Amino acid sequence: MAKKRKIIVTVAPTSNFHGKEANPALPEQPKEIAEEVYRCLNAGASIAHVHARDIHGKPTNDANVFKEIKAEITSKCNIITQFSTAPAMNPTSHIDDGLQTLEAEPEMASLDCGLMQAYPGGFVKPTLWDRDWLRNAATMMKERNIKPELEIFNHAQLEDMLNIFIPEGVIDTPPSFTFVFGMQKINQGSIQFSMENLTHMVRKLPSNALFGAMGIAAQQHQATIASLLMGGNVRVGFEDNIYYRKGELARSNAQLVERIVGIATDLGYEIASPDEAREILGIKKVEAKTN
């Protein structure tokens, strides 16, 4: 009997944009983030993609906050920690602020792969992730044995990764891509979900590449199901979508994880555990701490 494909489920339980004002169930502080991540692990997630907030609920890149989040998570379970390197979404943050999160030593970190200009909350936030910046950030991750999750917002960013950064050796194999769809209304340089867009980018990938898809708001369920149908991994969670269905707020991140896990298993896939995901991604296994 052929071996079943293992699907890696990432949950993004927090957000750099919205907070509890959008959905009261969104976790903001370290302990509640860890509790939610643990519930998501039990629902089938093997990676937790995390943004942080200060004690006032404002987005932050403070490494100490991320260290606290990591300590809380690893005291409960061995889910893979993947921290965002995006600058905190406020008018005063700088592009390099996001790299502070590497000091918390996550197993993975996001690497947003190109120039962007976001329009959150009435202000303009240009983020100049140019090639020099990306090369430096990728090198920092490689030196710390942190696996980059390559977040791709458009076709040109994928071409840069495939034709420049991977051949240079700053990205270790297997490269892991997340195709991000649905941010075009608030982020210049983003594209919407369509089967044509997803299929085009998947066809560009080398045979050793891993891929998954995520969609914002109403596009989350479309993008993740399409990714499953193409044999890819998935990401769900309140960072991307706070609703279970139109007009109905999700009760928890775990509810969104449970739904996509159910669909994946119905399609005949198996769900990767954190250690199985580490093996697939080429991440060194770490042991969970105990209280």
C-alpha atoms as a PDB file:
ATOM      1  CA  MET A   1       0.000   0.000   0.000  1.00  0.00           C
ATOM      2  CA  ALA A   2       1.320   3.441  -0.935  1.00  0.00           C
ATOM      3  CA  LYS A   3       2.375   5.630   1.958  1.00  0.00           C
ATOM      4  CA  LYS A   4      -0.126   8.409   2.654  1.00  0.00           C
ATOM      5  CA  ARG A   5       0.962  12.017   2.205  1.00  0.00           C
ATOM      6  CA  LYS A   6       1.547  13.846   5.505  1.00  0.00           C
ATOM      7  CA  ILE A   7      -0.021  17.309   5.640  1.00  0.00           C
ATOM      8  CA  ILE A   8       1.524  20.003   7.836  1.00  0.00           C
ATOM      9  CA  VAL A   9      -1.060  22.265   9.485  1.00  0.00           C
ATOM     10  CA  THR A  10       0.099  25.688  10.684  1.00  0.00           C
ATOM     11  CA  VAL A  11      -2.037  27.795  12.973  1.00  0.00           C
ATOM     12  CA  ALA A  12      -1.600  31.584  13.173  1.00  0.00           C
ATOM     13  CA  PRO A  13      -3.560  32.370  16.356  1.00  0.00           C
ATOM     14  CA  THR A  14      -2.577  36.030  16.817  1.00  0.00           C
ATOM     15  CA  SER A  15      -2.374  39.060  14.547  1.00  0.00           C
ATOM     16  CA  ASN A  16      -0.265  42.068  13.612  1.00  0.00           C
ATOM     17  CA  PHE A  17      -3.382  43.963  12.502  1.00  0.00           C
ATOM     18  CA  HIS A  18      -6.495  43.212  14.557  1.00  0.00           C
ATOM     19  CA  GLY A  19      -6.946  42.161  18.175  1.00  0.00           C
ATOM     20  CA  LYS A  20      -9.729  41.289  20.571  1.00  0.00           C
ATOM     21  CA  GLU A  21     -11.829  44.128  19.195  1.00  0.00           C
ATOM     22  CA  ALA A  22     -12.290  41.989  16.073  1.00  0.00           C
ATOM     23  CA  ASN A  23     -12.863  38.689  17.867  1.00  0.00           C
ATOM     24  CA  PRO A  24     -12.774  38.446  21.683  1.00  0.00           C
ATOM     25  CA  ALA A  25     -11.449  34.885  21.401  1.00  0.00           C
ATOM     26  CA  LEU A  26      -8.197  36.067  19.770  1.00  0.00           C
ATOM     27  CA  PRO A  27      -5.331  35.465  22.250  1.00  0.00           C
ATOM     28  CA  GLU A  28      -2.962  38.373  22.920  1.00  0.00           C
ATOM     29  CA  GLN A  29      -0.892  37.684  26.049  1.00  0.00           C
ATOM     30  CA  PRO A  30       1.716  34.894  26.408  1.00  0.00           C
ATOM     31  CA  LYS A  31      -0.258  32.563  28.664  1.00  0.00           C
ATOM     32  CA  GLU A  32      -3.441  32.744  26.620  1.00  0.00           C
ATOM     33  CA  ILE A  33      -1.460  32.339  23.387  1.00  0.00           C
ATOM     34  CA  ALA A  34       0.158  29.181  24.797  1.00  0.00           C
ATOM     35  CA  GLU A  35      -3.186  27.797  25.963  1.00  0.00           C
ATOM     36  CA  GLU A  36      -4.710  28.386  22.530  1.00  0.00           C
ATOM     37  CA  VAL A  37      -1.687  26.882  20.771  1.00  0.00           C
ATOM     38  CA  TYR A  38      -1.976  23.774  22.958  1.00  0.00           C
ATOM     39  CA  ARG A  39      -5.632  23.382  21.995  1.00  0.00           C
ATOM     40  CA  CYS A  40      -4.650  23.765  18.339  1.00  0.00           C
ATOM     41  CA  LEU A  41      -1.931  21.116  18.713  1.00  0.00           C
ATOM     42  CA  ASN A  42      -4.539  18.697  20.040  1.00  0.00           C
ATOM     43  CA  ALA A  43      -6.753  19.599  17.070  1.00  0.00           C
ATOM     44  CA  GLY A  44      -3.977  18.714  14.602  1.00  0.00           C
ATOM     45  CA  ALA A  45      -1.658  21.720  14.194  1.00  0.00           C
ATOM     46  CA  SER A  46       2.091  21.075  14.193  1.00  0.00           C
ATOM     47  CA  ILE A  47       3.354  24.667  13.722  1.00  0.00           C
ATOM     48  CA  ALA A  48       2.351  27.834  15.578  1.00  0.00           C
ATOM     49  CA  HIS A  49       3.010  31.072  13.667  1.00  0.00           C
ATOM     50  CA  VAL A  50       3.032  33.865  16.254  1.00  0.00           C
ATOM     51  CA  HIS A  51       2.902  37.658  16.447  1.00  0.00           C
ATOM     52  CA  ALA A  52       3.198  39.357  19.843  1.00  0.00           C
ATOM     53  CA  ARG A  53       1.540  42.195  21.749  1.00  0.00           C
ATOM     54  CA  ASP A  54       2.627  44.182  24.764  1.00  0.00           C
ATOM     55  CA  ILE A  55       0.712  44.297  28.047  1.00  0.00           C
ATOM     56  CA  HIS A  56      -1.505  47.025  26.568  1.00  0.00           C
ATOM     57  CA  GLY A  57      -2.447  44.860  23.604  1.00  0.00           C
ATOM     58  CA  LYS A  58      -0.349  46.778  21.053  1.00  0.00           C
ATOM     59  CA  PRO A  59       1.697  44.895  18.422  1.00  0.00           C
ATOM     60  CA  THR A  60       5.354  44.541  19.439  1.00  0.00           C
ATOM     61  CA  ASN A  61       8.623  42.978  18.287  1.00  0.00           C
ATOM     62  CA  ASP A  62      10.111  42.921  21.783  1.00  0.00           C
ATOM     63  CA  ALA A  63      12.312  39.812  21.970  1.00  0.00           C
ATOM     64  CA  ASN A  64      11.549  39.428  25.667  1.00  0.00           C
ATOM     65  CA  VAL A  65       7.846  39.084  24.927  1.00  0.00           C
ATOM     66  CA  PHE A  66       8.591  36.440  22.297  1.00  0.00           C
ATOM     67  CA  LYS A  67      10.866  34.622  24.743  1.00  0.00           C
ATOM     68  CA  GLU A  68       8.026  34.562  27.247  1.00  0.00           C
ATOM     69  CA  ILE A  69       5.627  33.241  24.607  1.00  0.00           C
ATOM     70  CA  LYS A  70       8.101  30.529  23.640  1.00  0.00           C
ATOM     71  CA  ALA A  71       8.627  29.515  27.268  1.00  0.00           C
ATOM     72  CA  GLU A  72       4.878  29.283  27.836  1.00  0.00           C
ATOM     73  CA  ILE A  73       4.327  27.227  24.671  1.00  0.00           C
ATOM     74  CA  THR A  74       7.215  24.811  25.201  1.00  0.00           C
ATOM     75  CA  SER A  75       6.171  24.231  28.806  1.00  0.00           C
ATOM     76  CA  LYS A  76       2.934  22.766  27.447  1.00  0.00           C
ATOM     77  CA  CYS A  77       3.872  20.970  24.244  1.00  0.00           C
ATOM     78  CA  ASN A  78       6.428  20.392  21.500  1.00  0.00           C
ATOM     79  CA  ILE A  79       4.634  22.210  18.679  1.00  0.00           C
ATOM     80  CA  ILE A  80       7.039  23.960  16.277  1.00  0.00           C
ATOM     81  CA  THR A  81       7.425  27.649  17.115  1.00  0.00           C
ATOM     82  CA  GLN A  82       7.430  29.917  14.070  1.00  0.00           C
ATOM     83  CA  PHE A  83       7.790  33.613  14.911  1.00  0.00           C
ATOM     84  CA  SER A  84       6.976  36.474  12.564  1.00  0.00           C
ATOM     85  CA  THR A  85       9.767  38.826  11.499  1.00  0.00           C
ATOM     86  CA  ALA A  86       7.350  41.459  10.225  1.00  0.00           C
ATOM     87  CA  PRO A  87       7.725  44.848  11.942  1.00  0.00           C
ATOM     88  CA  ALA A  88       4.982  45.566  14.457  1.00  0.00           C
ATOM     89  CA  MET A  89       2.099  47.262  12.696  1.00  0.00           C
ATOM     90  CA  ASN A  90       2.336  50.769  14.083  1.00  0.00           C
ATOM     91  CA  PRO A  91       3.531  54.081  12.566  1.00  0.00           C
ATOM     92  CA  THR A  92       6.870  54.172  14.433  1.00  0.00           C
ATOM     93  CA  SER A  93       8.212  50.660  13.815  1.00  0.00           C
ATOM     94  CA  HIS A  94      11.205  50.080  11.527  1.00  0.00           C
ATOM     95  CA  ILE A  95      11.758  47.260   9.056  1.00  0.00           C
ATOM     96  CA  ASP A  96      14.614  45.806  11.137  1.00  0.00           C
ATOM     97  CA  ASP A  97      12.502  45.660  14.301  1.00  0.00           C
ATOM     98  CA  GLY A  98      11.043  42.332  13.230  1.00  0.00           C
ATOM     99  CA  LEU A  99      14.461  40.677  13.326  1.00  0.00           C
ATOM    100  CA  GLN A 100      14.456  41.063  17.114  1.00  0.00           C
ATOM    101  CA  THR A 101      12.222  38.012  17.260  1.00  0.00           C
ATOM    102  CA  LEU A 102      15.147  35.830  16.147  1.00  0.00           C
ATOM    103  CA  GLU A 103      16.703  36.484  19.562  1.00  0.00           C
ATOM    104  CA  ALA A 104      13.917  34.334  21.040  1.00  0.00           C
ATOM    105  CA  GLU A 105      15.333  31.362  19.073  1.00  0.00           C
ATOM    106  CA  PRO A 106      12.216  29.982  17.404  1.00  0.00           C
ATOM    107  CA  GLU A 107      12.582  26.844  15.324  1.00  0.00           C
ATOM    108  CA  MET A 108      11.174  28.696  12.319  1.00  0.00           C
ATOM    109  CA  ALA A 109      10.627  32.316  11.313  1.00  0.00           C
ATOM    110  CA  SER A 110       8.689  33.960   8.531  1.00  0.00           C
ATOM    111  CA  LEU A 111      10.570  35.614   5.693  1.00  0.00           C
ATOM    112  CA  ASP A 112       8.303  37.906   3.670  1.00  0.00           C
ATOM    113  CA  CYS A 113       9.896  37.803   0.251  1.00  0.00           C
ATOM    114  CA  GLY A 114       9.609  41.244  -1.300  1.00  0.00           C
ATOM    115  CA  LEU A 115       8.659  44.908  -1.214  1.00  0.00           C
ATOM    116  CA  MET A 116       5.264  45.797   0.230  1.00  0.00           C
ATOM    117  CA  GLN A 117       3.173  48.779   1.113  1.00  0.00           C
ATOM    118  CA  ALA A 118       0.403  48.209   3.624  1.00  0.00           C
ATOM    119  CA  TYR A 119      -2.449  50.560   4.520  1.00  0.00           C
ATOM    120  CA  PRO A 120      -3.574  49.505   8.015  1.00  0.00           C
ATOM    121  CA  GLY A 121      -5.666  51.722  10.249  1.00  0.00           C
ATOM    122  CA  GLY A 122      -5.372  54.876   8.192  1.00  0.00           C
ATOM    123  CA  PHE A 123      -1.586  55.093   7.838  1.00  0.00           C
ATOM    124  CA  VAL A 124       0.807  53.924   5.132  1.00  0.00           C
ATOM    125  CA  LYS A 125       3.414  51.323   6.096  1.00  0.00           C
ATOM    126  CA  PRO A 126       6.045  50.720   3.392  1.00  0.00           C
ATOM    127  CA  THR A 127       8.179  47.661   4.120  1.00  0.00           C
ATOM    128  CA  LEU A 128      11.340  47.620   2.024  1.00  0.00           C
ATOM    129  CA  TRP A 129      12.219  43.942   2.099  1.00  0.00           C
ATOM    130  CA  ASP A 130      14.632  44.428  -0.794  1.00  0.00           C
ATOM    131  CA  ARG A 131      17.115  41.785  -1.955  1.00  0.00           C
ATOM    132  CA  ASP A 132      19.935  42.960   0.313  1.00  0.00           C
ATOM    133  CA  TRP A 133      17.638  42.931   3.354  1.00  0.00           C
ATOM    134  CA  LEU A 134      16.275  39.490   2.499  1.00  0.00           C
ATOM    135  CA  ARG A 135      19.767  38.100   1.968  1.00  0.00           C
ATOM    136  CA  ASN A 136      20.875  39.440   5.346  1.00  0.00           C
ATOM    137  CA  ALA A 137      17.765  38.142   7.152  1.00  0.00           C
ATOM    138  CA  ALA A 138      18.081  34.703   5.562  1.00  0.00           C
ATOM    139  CA  THR A 139      21.745  34.550   6.554  1.00  0.00           C
ATOM    140  CA  MET A 140      20.879  35.460  10.148  1.00  0.00           C
ATOM    141  CA  MET A 141      18.342  32.637  10.250  1.00  0.00           C
ATOM    142  CA  LYS A 142      20.770  30.148   8.735  1.00  0.00           C
ATOM    143  CA  GLU A 143      23.468  31.033  11.289  1.00  0.00           C
ATOM    144  CA  ARG A 144      20.951  30.387  14.091  1.00  0.00           C
ATOM    145  CA  ASN A 145      19.569  27.160  12.592  1.00  0.00           C
ATOM    146  CA  ILE A 146      16.155  28.803  12.211  1.00  0.00           C
ATOM    147  CA  LYS A 147      14.155  27.454   9.286  1.00  0.00           C
ATOM    148  CA  PRO A 148      12.690  30.265   7.143  1.00  0.00           C
ATOM    149  CA  GLU A 149       9.090  30.045   6.018  1.00  0.00           C
ATOM    150  CA  LEU A 150       9.135  31.847   2.671  1.00  0.00           C
ATOM    151  CA  GLU A 151       5.959  33.924   2.464  1.00  0.00           C
ATOM    152  CA  ILE A 152       5.200  34.685  -1.178  1.00  0.00           C
ATOM    153  CA  PHE A 153       2.711  37.421  -2.050  1.00  0.00           C
ATOM    154  CA  ASN A 154       3.133  37.541  -5.837  1.00  0.00           C
ATOM    155  CA  HIS A 155       4.791  35.785  -8.746  1.00  0.00           C
ATOM    156  CA  ALA A 156       7.841  38.073  -8.895  1.00  0.00           C
ATOM    157  CA  GLN A 157       8.779  37.236  -5.299  1.00  0.00           C
ATOM    158  CA  LEU A 158       8.730  33.534  -6.140  1.00  0.00           C
ATOM    159  CA  GLU A 159      10.997  34.131  -9.148  1.00  0.00           C
ATOM    160  CA  ASP A 160      13.528  35.908  -6.905  1.00  0.00           C
ATOM    161  CA  MET A 161      13.586  33.027  -4.436  1.00  0.00           C
ATOM    162  CA  LEU A 162      13.925  30.384  -7.135  1.00  0.00           C
ATOM    163  CA  ASN A 163      16.465  32.170  -9.315  1.00  0.00           C
ATOM    164  CA  ILE A 164      18.556  34.179  -6.847  1.00  0.00           C
ATOM    165  CA  PHE A 165      18.387  33.210  -3.184  1.00  0.00           C
ATOM    166  CA  ILE A 166      18.096  29.420  -3.360  1.00  0.00           C
ATOM    167  CA  PRO A 167      20.943  29.115  -5.933  1.00  0.00           C
ATOM    168  CA  GLU A 168      23.094  31.357  -3.717  1.00  0.00           C
ATOM    169  CA  GLY A 169      22.675  28.895  -0.862  1.00  0.00           C
ATOM    170  CA  VAL A 170      21.235  31.301   1.712  1.00  0.00           C
ATOM    171  CA  ILE A 171      18.066  29.164   1.850  1.00  0.00           C
ATOM    172  CA  ASP A 172      18.636  25.575   2.963  1.00  0.00           C
ATOM    173  CA  THR A 173      16.808  22.696   1.346  1.00  0.00           C
ATOM    174  CA  PRO A 174      14.079  21.755   1.345  1.00  0.00           C
ATOM    175  CA  PRO A 175      12.720  25.280   0.871  1.00  0.00           C
ATOM    176  CA  SER A 176       9.290  25.788   2.416  1.00  0.00           C
ATOM    177  CA  PHE A 177       6.917  28.227   0.725  1.00  0.00           C
ATOM    178  CA  THR A 178       3.631  29.694   1.905  1.00  0.00           C
ATOM    179  CA  PHE A 179       1.615  31.368  -0.836  1.00  0.00           C
ATOM    180  CA  VAL A 180      -0.330  34.282   0.660  1.00  0.00           C
ATOM    181  CA  PHE A 181      -3.577  35.271  -1.029  1.00  0.00           C
ATOM    182  CA  GLY A 182      -6.189  37.924  -0.393  1.00  0.00           C
ATOM    183  CA  MET A 183      -4.295  40.919   1.005  1.00  0.00           C
ATOM    184  CA  GLN A 184      -4.582  43.022  -2.152  1.00  0.00           C
ATOM    185  CA  LYS A 185      -7.078  45.483  -0.619  1.00  0.00           C
ATOM    186  CA  ILE A 186      -4.706  46.607   2.149  1.00  0.00           C
ATOM    187  CA  ASN A 187      -1.306  45.597   0.825  1.00  0.00           C
ATOM    188  CA  GLN A 188       0.051  46.763  -2.506  1.00  0.00           C
ATOM    189  CA  GLY A 189       1.947  43.927  -4.150  1.00  0.00           C
ATOM    190  CA  SER A 190      -0.433  41.169  -3.081  1.00  0.00           C
ATOM    191  CA  ILE A 191      -2.647  39.011  -5.274  1.00  0.00           C
ATOM    192  CA  GLN A 192      -6.035  37.411  -4.727  1.00  0.00           C
ATOM    193  CA  PHE A 193      -6.671  33.694  -4.575  1.00  0.00           C
ATOM    194  CA  SER A 194      -7.516  31.830  -7.742  1.00  0.00           C
ATOM    195  CA  MET A 195      -6.741  28.326  -8.901  1.00  0.00           C
ATOM    196  CA  GLU A 196      -4.815  29.870 -11.775  1.00  0.00           C
ATOM    197  CA  ASN A 197      -2.548  31.857  -9.418  1.00  0.00           C
ATOM    198  CA  LEU A 198      -1.917  28.905  -7.116  1.00  0.00           C
ATOM    199  CA  THR A 199      -1.373  26.431  -9.953  1.00  0.00           C
ATOM    200  CA  HIS A 200       1.048  28.744 -11.744  1.00  0.00           C
ATOM    201  CA  MET A 201       3.262  29.096  -8.678  1.00  0.00           C
ATOM    202  CA  VAL A 202       3.171  25.423  -7.723  1.00  0.00           C
ATOM    203  CA  ARG A 203       4.262  24.478 -11.225  1.00  0.00           C
ATOM    204  CA  LYS A 204       7.318  26.731 -10.844  1.00  0.00           C
ATOM    205  CA  LEU A 205       8.610  24.902  -7.775  1.00  0.00           C
ATOM    206  CA  PRO A 206      11.542  22.489  -7.820  1.00  0.00           C
ATOM    207  CA  SER A 207      10.741  18.891  -6.931  1.00  0.00           C
ATOM    208  CA  ASN A 208      12.248  19.169  -3.435  1.00  0.00           C
ATOM    209  CA  ALA A 209      10.227  22.226  -2.420  1.00  0.00           C
ATOM    210  CA  LEU A 210       7.459  22.173   0.167  1.00  0.00           C
ATOM    211  CA  PHE A 211       4.475  24.452  -0.275  1.00  0.00           C
ATOM    212  CA  GLY A 212       1.265  25.493   1.360  1.00  0.00           C
ATOM    213  CA  ALA A 213      -1.318  28.208   0.963  1.00  0.00           C
ATOM    214  CA  MET A 214      -3.160  30.647   3.169  1.00  0.00           C
ATOM    215  CA  GLY A 215      -5.965  33.052   2.369  1.00  0.00           C
ATOM    216  CA  ILE A 216      -7.187  36.188   4.097  1.00  0.00           C
ATOM    217  CA  ALA A 217     -10.776  36.451   5.361  1.00  0.00           C
ATOM    218  CA  ALA A 218     -13.257  34.808   2.971  1.00  0.00           C
ATOM    219  CA  GLN A 219     -10.381  33.458   0.872  1.00  0.00           C
ATOM    220  CA  GLN A 220      -8.946  31.342   3.720  1.00  0.00           C
ATOM    221  CA  HIS A 221     -11.143  28.301   3.199  1.00  0.00           C
ATOM    222  CA  GLN A 222     -10.852  28.479  -0.587  1.00  0.00           C
ATOM    223  CA  ALA A 223      -7.049  28.698  -0.545  1.00  0.00           C
ATOM    224  CA  THR A 224      -6.490  25.971   2.022  1.00  0.00           C
ATOM    225  CA  ILE A 225      -8.818  23.476   0.342  1.00  0.00           C
ATOM    226  CA  ALA A 226      -7.164  24.183  -3.018  1.00  0.00           C
ATOM    227  CA  SER A 227      -3.751  23.632  -1.449  1.00  0.00           C
ATOM    228  CA  LEU A 228      -4.881  20.273  -0.074  1.00  0.00           C
ATOM    229  CA  LEU A 229      -6.220  19.236  -3.471  1.00  0.00           C
ATOM    230  CA  MET A 230      -2.778  19.970  -4.931  1.00  0.00           C
ATOM    231  CA  GLY A 231      -0.976  18.046  -2.197  1.00  0.00           C
ATOM    232  CA  GLY A 232       0.152  21.113  -0.276  1.00  0.00           C
ATOM    233  CA  ASN A 233       0.188  22.129   3.358  1.00  0.00           C
ATOM    234  CA  VAL A 234      -2.204  24.607   4.972  1.00  0.00           C
ATOM    235  CA  ARG A 235      -2.361  27.520   7.383  1.00  0.00           C
ATOM    236  CA  VAL A 236      -5.424  28.699   9.268  1.00  0.00           C
ATOM    237  CA  GLY A 237      -6.046  30.916  12.262  1.00  0.00           C
ATOM    238  CA  PHE A 238      -7.270  34.260  13.526  1.00  0.00           C
ATOM    239  CA  GLU A 239      -4.390  36.217  11.993  1.00  0.00           C
ATOM    240  CA  ASP A 240      -5.852  35.434   8.595  1.00  0.00           C
ATOM    241  CA  ASN A 241      -9.553  34.989   9.302  1.00  0.00           C
ATOM    242  CA  ILE A 242     -11.692  35.491  12.421  1.00  0.00           C
ATOM    243  CA  TYR A 243     -14.874  33.902  10.994  1.00  0.00           C
ATOM    244  CA  TYR A 244     -16.028  30.297  10.799  1.00  0.00           C
ATOM    245  CA  ARG A 245     -18.501  31.145   8.070  1.00  0.00           C
ATOM    246  CA  LYS A 246     -19.985  34.387   6.750  1.00  0.00           C
ATOM    247  CA  GLY A 247     -21.380  36.425   9.622  1.00  0.00           C
ATOM    248  CA  GLU A 248     -20.360  33.870  12.281  1.00  0.00           C
ATOM    249  CA  LEU A 249     -17.251  34.538  14.349  1.00  0.00           C
ATOM    250  CA  ALA A 250     -15.121  31.475  14.981  1.00  0.00           C
ATOM    251  CA  ARG A 251     -15.179  30.335  18.607  1.00  0.00           C
ATOM    252  CA  SER A 252     -11.465  29.589  18.646  1.00  0.00           C
ATOM    253  CA  ASN A 253      -8.440  28.959  16.477  1.00  0.00           C
ATOM    254  CA  ALA A 254      -8.817  25.278  17.307  1.00  0.00           C
ATOM    255  CA  GLN A 255     -12.228  25.279  15.615  1.00  0.00           C
ATOM    256  CA  LEU A 256     -10.591  26.389  12.358  1.00  0.00           C
ATOM    257  CA  VAL A 257      -7.844  23.767  12.747  1.00  0.00           C
ATOM    258  CA  GLU A 258     -10.406  21.025  13.372  1.00  0.00           C
ATOM    259  CA  ARG A 259     -12.317  21.930  10.220  1.00  0.00           C
ATOM    260  CA  ILE A 260      -9.323  21.805   7.863  1.00  0.00           C
ATOM    261  CA  VAL A 261      -7.970  18.657   9.525  1.00  0.00           C
ATOM    262  CA  GLY A 262     -11.340  16.979   8.967  1.00  0.00           C
ATOM    263  CA  ILE A 263     -11.283  17.913   5.289  1.00  0.00           C
ATOM    264  CA  ALA A 264      -7.685  16.715   4.883  1.00  0.00           C
ATOM    265  CA  THR A 265      -8.436  13.350   6.443  1.00  0.00           C
ATOM    266  CA  ASP A 266     -11.593  13.010   4.340  1.00  0.00           C
ATOM    267  CA  LEU A 267      -9.360  13.496   1.283  1.00  0.00           C
ATOM    268  CA  GLY A 268      -7.187  10.607   2.431  1.00  0.00           C
ATOM    269  CA  TYR A 269      -4.250  12.539   3.883  1.00  0.00           C
ATOM    270  CA  GLU A 270      -2.613  11.997   7.247  1.00  0.00           C
ATOM    271  CA  ILE A 271      -1.816  14.897   9.569  1.00  0.00           C
ATOM    272  CA  ALA A 272       1.839  15.364  10.478  1.00  0.00           C
ATOM    273  CA  SER A 273       2.734  15.525  14.151  1.00  0.00           C
ATOM    274  CA  PRO A 274       5.250  18.196  15.216  1.00  0.00           C
ATOM    275  CA  ASP A 275       8.121  15.703  15.089  1.00  0.00           C
ATOM    276  CA  GLU A 276       7.006  14.384  11.703  1.00  0.00           C
ATOM    277  CA  ALA A 277       6.840  17.980  10.467  1.00  0.00           C
ATOM    278  CA  ARG A 278      10.372  18.584  11.771  1.00  0.00           C
ATOM    279  CA  GLU A 279      11.587  15.611   9.778  1.00  0.00           C
ATOM    280  CA  ILE A 280       9.811  16.773   6.628  1.00  0.00           C
ATOM    281  CA  LEU A 281      11.129  20.341   7.015  1.00  0.00           C
ATOM    282  CA  GLY A 282      14.639  19.342   8.029  1.00  0.00           C
ATOM    283  CA  ILE A 283      14.374  20.875  11.530  1.00  0.00           C
ATOM    284  CA  LYS A 284      16.335  19.426  14.409  1.00  0.00           C
ATOM    285  CA  LYS A 285      14.069  17.796  16.988  1.00  0.00           C
ATOM    286  CA  VAL A 286      13.734  19.568  20.351  1.00  0.00           C
ATOM    287  CA  GLU A 287      12.246  18.182  23.521  1.00  0.00           C
ATOM    288  CA  ALA A 288       9.344  19.879  25.254  1.00  0.00           C
ATOM    289  CA  LYS A 289      10.168  21.347  28.643  1.00  0.00           C
ATOM    290  CA  THR A 290       8.317  20.074  31.674  1.00  0.00           C
ATOM    291  CA  ASN A 291       6.969  22.050  34.606  1.00  0.00           C
END
